[in-house]
Each structure stands twice: as structure tokens, then as C-alpha cells.
Amino acid sequence: MNKPNIFILTIDSLRKDKIFDETSTAVIPNFNWLKQHSSSFTDAISASDETGRSLGCLFTGLYPYNSEITHFNFNSSIPNIFSILNENGYSRYASVP
């Protein structure tokens, strides 16, 4: 049986009104396609004001003071979405600037 594809896209400092507002003047055909063919979380609230800590929360489900993850510190002993996907036979790829 084939596993479903999972694509996680996070963009730092992207305003909701630029992508999801009906009156947006942005020309974004690829985002529009993704919105029509995927799940979007448009009212998410960040657990931190710093990107690394926010992503740590997203990937572990823990608050920043529990995961201790930052841009410069990753605690591999804490279960996270990537280790769970790996344990279930998924290949993982990333692109980071």
C-alpha cells in the first residue's frame, strides 16, 4: 500500500492576507493550486516570537520551554514529526536557505 505524500511548507513572516484574502492582488498560481489541493492552517498562533523556537513547537508539539529547540539547538532525544515519519518508512527532504 502506498503511503500518502506529506508536504510541510513553512514560510517565515508571511502575512495571511497576502495568500488567503479574497481581495489579495498577489499573483500566486502555485500557492492557489496548493490551497485547492491540500490542508491549510490559516488561524495558527505561534507559541514563540522567534522562528527557531516556533518551528521546534510545530515539529514536537511541545512548548518552547519544554523542547528547548532553537535555531542553534536541537534536542534529538525529544520525539518529533521527522523521527516519527522516519520510523514509518518515509523519506525526508528539506530545503533551507
N, C-alpha and C. Protein backbone atom coordinates (compact mmCIF):
# COMPACT_ATOMS: atom_id res chain seq x y z
N MET A 1 0.84 -1.18 0.00
CA MET A 1 0.00 0.00 0.00
C MET A 1 0.89 1.25 0.00
N ASN A 2 0.57 2.20 -0.84
CA ASN A 2 1.33 3.44 -0.91
C ASN A 2 0.96 4.37 0.24
N LYS A 3 1.97 4.97 0.78
CA LYS A 3 1.73 5.97 1.83
C LYS A 3 1.37 7.30 1.18
N PRO A 4 0.53 8.10 1.82
CA PRO A 4 0.24 9.43 1.25
C PRO A 4 1.47 10.32 1.37
N ASN A 5 1.62 11.21 0.40
CA ASN A 5 2.70 12.19 0.48
C ASN A 5 2.38 13.22 1.55
N ILE A 6 3.40 13.66 2.24
CA ILE A 6 3.26 14.71 3.24
C ILE A 6 4.22 15.83 2.86
N PHE A 7 3.69 17.02 2.69
CA PHE A 7 4.49 18.18 2.30
C PHE A 7 4.25 19.26 3.33
N ILE A 8 5.28 19.62 4.07
CA ILE A 8 5.16 20.65 5.10
C ILE A 8 5.89 21.88 4.59
N LEU A 9 5.16 22.96 4.45
CA LEU A 9 5.73 24.20 3.95
C LEU A 9 5.58 25.26 5.03
N THR A 10 6.68 25.79 5.50
CA THR A 10 6.64 26.88 6.46
C THR A 10 7.36 28.06 5.84
N ILE A 11 6.77 29.23 5.97
CA ILE A 11 7.37 30.45 5.44
C ILE A 11 7.39 31.47 6.56
N ASP A 12 8.56 31.97 6.87
CA ASP A 12 8.71 32.94 7.94
C ASP A 12 8.18 34.30 7.51
N SER A 13 7.38 34.91 8.35
CA SER A 13 6.89 36.29 8.17
C SER A 13 6.01 36.47 6.95
N LEU A 14 5.21 35.48 6.61
CA LEU A 14 4.26 35.61 5.50
C LEU A 14 2.90 35.99 6.07
N ARG A 15 2.38 37.10 5.62
CA ARG A 15 1.09 37.57 6.13
C ARG A 15 -0.06 36.78 5.50
N LYS A 16 -1.03 36.43 6.34
CA LYS A 16 -2.20 35.68 5.90
C LYS A 16 -2.95 36.39 4.78
N ASP A 17 -3.07 37.71 4.85
CA ASP A 17 -3.85 38.43 3.85
C ASP A 17 -3.21 38.40 2.46
N LYS A 18 -1.92 38.12 2.36
CA LYS A 18 -1.25 38.04 1.06
C LYS A 18 -1.54 36.74 0.33
N ILE A 19 -1.94 35.72 1.05
CA ILE A 19 -2.19 34.41 0.45
C ILE A 19 -3.67 34.02 0.48
N PHE A 20 -4.34 34.27 1.60
CA PHE A 20 -5.68 33.74 1.79
C PHE A 20 -6.81 34.76 1.67
N ASP A 21 -6.49 36.02 1.53
CA ASP A 21 -7.53 37.05 1.42
C ASP A 21 -8.09 37.06 -0.01
N GLU A 22 -9.40 37.10 -0.13
CA GLU A 22 -10.04 37.10 -1.46
C GLU A 22 -9.70 38.34 -2.26
N THR A 23 -9.33 39.43 -1.61
CA THR A 23 -9.02 40.67 -2.32
C THR A 23 -7.53 40.85 -2.57
N SER A 24 -6.73 39.82 -2.29
CA SER A 24 -5.29 39.91 -2.49
C SER A 24 -4.98 40.12 -3.98
N THR A 25 -4.06 41.00 -4.26
CA THR A 25 -3.64 41.25 -5.64
C THR A 25 -2.38 40.48 -5.99
N ALA A 26 -1.89 39.65 -5.09
CA ALA A 26 -0.69 38.86 -5.36
C ALA A 26 -0.97 37.83 -6.45
N VAL A 27 -0.03 37.66 -7.37
CA VAL A 27 -0.12 36.66 -8.42
C VAL A 27 0.61 35.42 -7.93
N ILE A 28 -0.16 34.42 -7.48
CA ILE A 28 0.42 33.25 -6.81
C ILE A 28 -0.23 31.95 -7.29
N PRO A 29 -0.07 31.60 -8.57
CA PRO A 29 -0.76 30.41 -9.07
C PRO A 29 -0.37 29.12 -8.36
N ASN A 30 0.89 28.97 -7.96
CA ASN A 30 1.31 27.74 -7.28
C ASN A 30 0.70 27.64 -5.88
N PHE A 31 0.66 28.76 -5.17
CA PHE A 31 0.01 28.75 -3.85
C PHE A 31 -1.48 28.49 -4.00
N ASN A 32 -2.10 29.06 -5.01
CA ASN A 32 -3.53 28.82 -5.23
C ASN A 32 -3.80 27.34 -5.49
N TRP A 33 -2.93 26.69 -6.26
CA TRP A 33 -3.08 25.27 -6.52
C TRP A 33 -2.94 24.48 -5.22
N LEU A 34 -1.92 24.82 -4.42
CA LEU A 34 -1.73 24.13 -3.15
C LEU A 34 -2.93 24.31 -2.23
N LYS A 35 -3.47 25.53 -2.18
CA LYS A 35 -4.64 25.78 -1.32
C LYS A 35 -5.82 24.91 -1.73
N GLN A 36 -6.01 24.70 -3.02
CA GLN A 36 -7.14 23.92 -3.51
C GLN A 36 -6.96 22.42 -3.32
N HIS A 37 -5.72 21.96 -3.19
CA HIS A 37 -5.44 20.53 -3.14
C HIS A 37 -4.80 20.07 -1.84
N SER A 38 -4.92 20.85 -0.78
CA SER A 38 -4.27 20.47 0.47
C SER A 38 -5.01 21.04 1.66
N SER A 39 -4.46 20.81 2.82
CA SER A 39 -4.98 21.39 4.05
C SER A 39 -4.14 22.61 4.40
N SER A 40 -4.81 23.65 4.87
CA SER A 40 -4.11 24.87 5.28
C SER A 40 -4.56 25.24 6.69
N PHE A 41 -3.65 25.79 7.44
CA PHE A 41 -3.95 26.24 8.79
C PHE A 41 -3.80 27.75 8.80
N THR A 42 -4.90 28.45 8.62
CA THR A 42 -4.84 29.90 8.41
C THR A 42 -4.96 30.71 9.69
N ASP A 43 -5.33 30.08 10.78
CA ASP A 43 -5.50 30.82 12.03
C ASP A 43 -4.60 30.26 13.13
N ALA A 44 -3.45 29.77 12.74
CA ALA A 44 -2.50 29.24 13.72
C ALA A 44 -1.90 30.38 14.53
N ILE A 45 -1.60 30.10 15.76
CA ILE A 45 -0.99 31.08 16.65
C ILE A 45 0.37 30.53 17.06
N SER A 46 1.38 31.33 16.90
CA SER A 46 2.74 30.91 17.22
C SER A 46 2.93 30.84 18.73
N ALA A 47 3.68 29.84 19.15
CA ALA A 47 3.99 29.71 20.58
C ALA A 47 5.19 30.54 20.98
N SER A 48 5.84 31.16 20.00
CA SER A 48 7.03 31.95 20.29
C SER A 48 7.16 33.05 19.24
N ASP A 49 7.88 34.11 19.59
CA ASP A 49 8.11 35.18 18.63
C ASP A 49 9.42 34.98 17.87
N GLU A 50 10.07 33.85 18.04
CA GLU A 50 11.34 33.57 17.38
C GLU A 50 11.15 32.33 16.50
N THR A 51 11.64 32.39 15.27
CA THR A 51 11.39 31.34 14.29
C THR A 51 11.83 29.96 14.76
N GLY A 52 13.06 29.83 15.23
CA GLY A 52 13.57 28.52 15.64
C GLY A 52 12.73 27.88 16.73
N ARG A 53 12.36 28.66 17.71
CA ARG A 53 11.51 28.13 18.80
C ARG A 53 10.11 27.77 18.28
N SER A 54 9.57 28.59 17.39
CA SER A 54 8.25 28.31 16.82
C SER A 54 8.25 27.00 16.05
N LEU A 55 9.29 26.80 15.23
CA LEU A 55 9.38 25.56 14.47
C LEU A 55 9.59 24.37 15.39
N GLY A 56 10.35 24.55 16.47
CA GLY A 56 10.52 23.49 17.45
C GLY A 56 9.17 23.06 18.03
N CYS A 57 8.32 24.03 18.31
CA CYS A 57 6.97 23.73 18.83
C CYS A 57 6.15 22.99 17.78
N LEU A 58 6.20 23.47 16.55
CA LEU A 58 5.44 22.86 15.47
C LEU A 58 5.86 21.41 15.25
N PHE A 59 7.16 21.14 15.29
CA PHE A 59 7.66 19.81 14.96
C PHE A 59 7.63 18.84 16.12
N THR A 60 7.49 19.33 17.37
CA THR A 60 7.46 18.43 18.53
C THR A 60 6.11 18.42 19.25
N GLY A 61 5.32 19.47 19.08
CA GLY A 61 4.08 19.58 19.82
C GLY A 61 4.28 20.05 21.24
N LEU A 62 5.48 20.53 21.56
CA LEU A 62 5.81 20.99 22.90
C LEU A 62 5.97 22.50 22.93
N TYR A 63 5.76 23.08 24.09
CA TYR A 63 6.04 24.50 24.27
C TYR A 63 7.55 24.72 24.25
N PRO A 64 7.99 25.94 23.93
CA PRO A 64 9.44 26.20 23.83
C PRO A 64 10.22 25.83 25.08
N TYR A 65 9.67 26.08 26.25
CA TYR A 65 10.40 25.78 27.48
C TYR A 65 10.50 24.28 27.74
N ASN A 66 9.71 23.46 27.03
CA ASN A 66 9.81 22.01 27.17
C ASN A 66 10.73 21.39 26.12
N SER A 67 10.72 21.94 24.91
CA SER A 67 11.54 21.34 23.84
C SER A 67 12.97 21.87 23.85
N GLU A 68 13.16 23.10 24.30
CA GLU A 68 14.46 23.76 24.32
C GLU A 68 15.09 23.85 22.93
N ILE A 69 14.27 23.76 21.87
CA ILE A 69 14.76 23.83 20.50
C ILE A 69 14.83 25.29 20.06
N THR A 70 15.94 25.65 19.45
CA THR A 70 16.12 26.98 18.87
C THR A 70 16.77 26.81 17.50
N HIS A 71 17.11 27.93 16.86
CA HIS A 71 17.85 27.86 15.59
C HIS A 71 19.16 27.11 15.77
N PHE A 72 19.75 27.21 16.94
CA PHE A 72 21.10 26.71 17.16
C PHE A 72 21.16 25.48 18.06
N ASN A 73 20.02 25.03 18.56
CA ASN A 73 20.00 23.91 19.49
C ASN A 73 18.86 22.97 19.11
N PHE A 74 19.19 21.72 18.84
CA PHE A 74 18.16 20.72 18.53
C PHE A 74 18.35 19.55 19.46
N ASN A 75 17.32 19.23 20.21
CA ASN A 75 17.38 18.13 21.17
C ASN A 75 16.85 16.87 20.50
N SER A 76 17.75 16.01 20.02
CA SER A 76 17.35 14.82 19.28
C SER A 76 16.72 13.75 20.16
N SER A 77 16.76 13.92 21.47
CA SER A 77 16.13 12.92 22.35
C SER A 77 14.63 13.12 22.46
N ILE A 78 14.13 14.26 21.98
CA ILE A 78 12.68 14.53 22.04
C ILE A 78 12.04 14.04 20.75
N PRO A 79 11.00 13.19 20.84
CA PRO A 79 10.31 12.74 19.63
C PRO A 79 9.79 13.94 18.84
N ASN A 80 9.92 13.86 17.53
CA ASN A 80 9.43 14.94 16.68
C ASN A 80 8.83 14.34 15.42
N ILE A 81 8.19 15.17 14.63
CA ILE A 81 7.48 14.68 13.45
C ILE A 81 8.43 13.97 12.48
N PHE A 82 9.67 14.42 12.41
CA PHE A 82 10.61 13.82 11.47
C PHE A 82 11.04 12.42 11.92
N SER A 83 11.26 12.23 13.21
CA SER A 83 11.63 10.90 13.69
C SER A 83 10.45 9.94 13.53
N ILE A 84 9.24 10.43 13.74
CA ILE A 84 8.05 9.59 13.58
C ILE A 84 7.87 9.19 12.12
N LEU A 85 8.05 10.15 11.20
CA LEU A 85 7.95 9.82 9.77
C LEU A 85 9.03 8.81 9.37
N ASN A 86 10.24 9.00 9.87
CA ASN A 86 11.33 8.08 9.57
C ASN A 86 11.02 6.67 10.06
N GLU A 87 10.50 6.55 11.27
CA GLU A 87 10.14 5.24 11.84
C GLU A 87 9.04 4.55 11.04
N ASN A 88 8.26 5.34 10.29
CA ASN A 88 7.17 4.78 9.50
C ASN A 88 7.52 4.67 8.02
N GLY A 89 8.81 4.70 7.70
CA GLY A 89 9.26 4.41 6.36
C GLY A 89 9.21 5.56 5.36
N TYR A 90 9.04 6.77 5.83
CA TYR A 90 9.02 7.92 4.92
C TYR A 90 10.44 8.40 4.64
N SER A 91 10.66 8.87 3.43
CA SER A 91 11.89 9.56 3.09
C SER A 91 11.67 11.02 3.41
N ARG A 92 12.70 11.67 3.90
CA ARG A 92 12.56 13.07 4.30
C ARG A 92 13.56 13.93 3.55
N TYR A 93 13.10 15.08 3.10
CA TYR A 93 13.94 16.02 2.37
C TYR A 93 13.65 17.42 2.88
N ALA A 94 14.62 18.30 2.80
CA ALA A 94 14.42 19.66 3.26
C ALA A 94 15.15 20.62 2.34
N SER A 95 14.63 21.81 2.28
CA SER A 95 15.31 22.90 1.58
C SER A 95 15.26 24.12 2.48
N VAL A 96 16.42 24.62 2.84
CA VAL A 96 16.52 25.74 3.74
C VAL A 96 17.49 26.74 3.12
N PRO A 97 17.12 28.03 3.11
CA PRO A 97 18.07 28.99 2.51
C PRO A 97 19.36 29.11 3.29
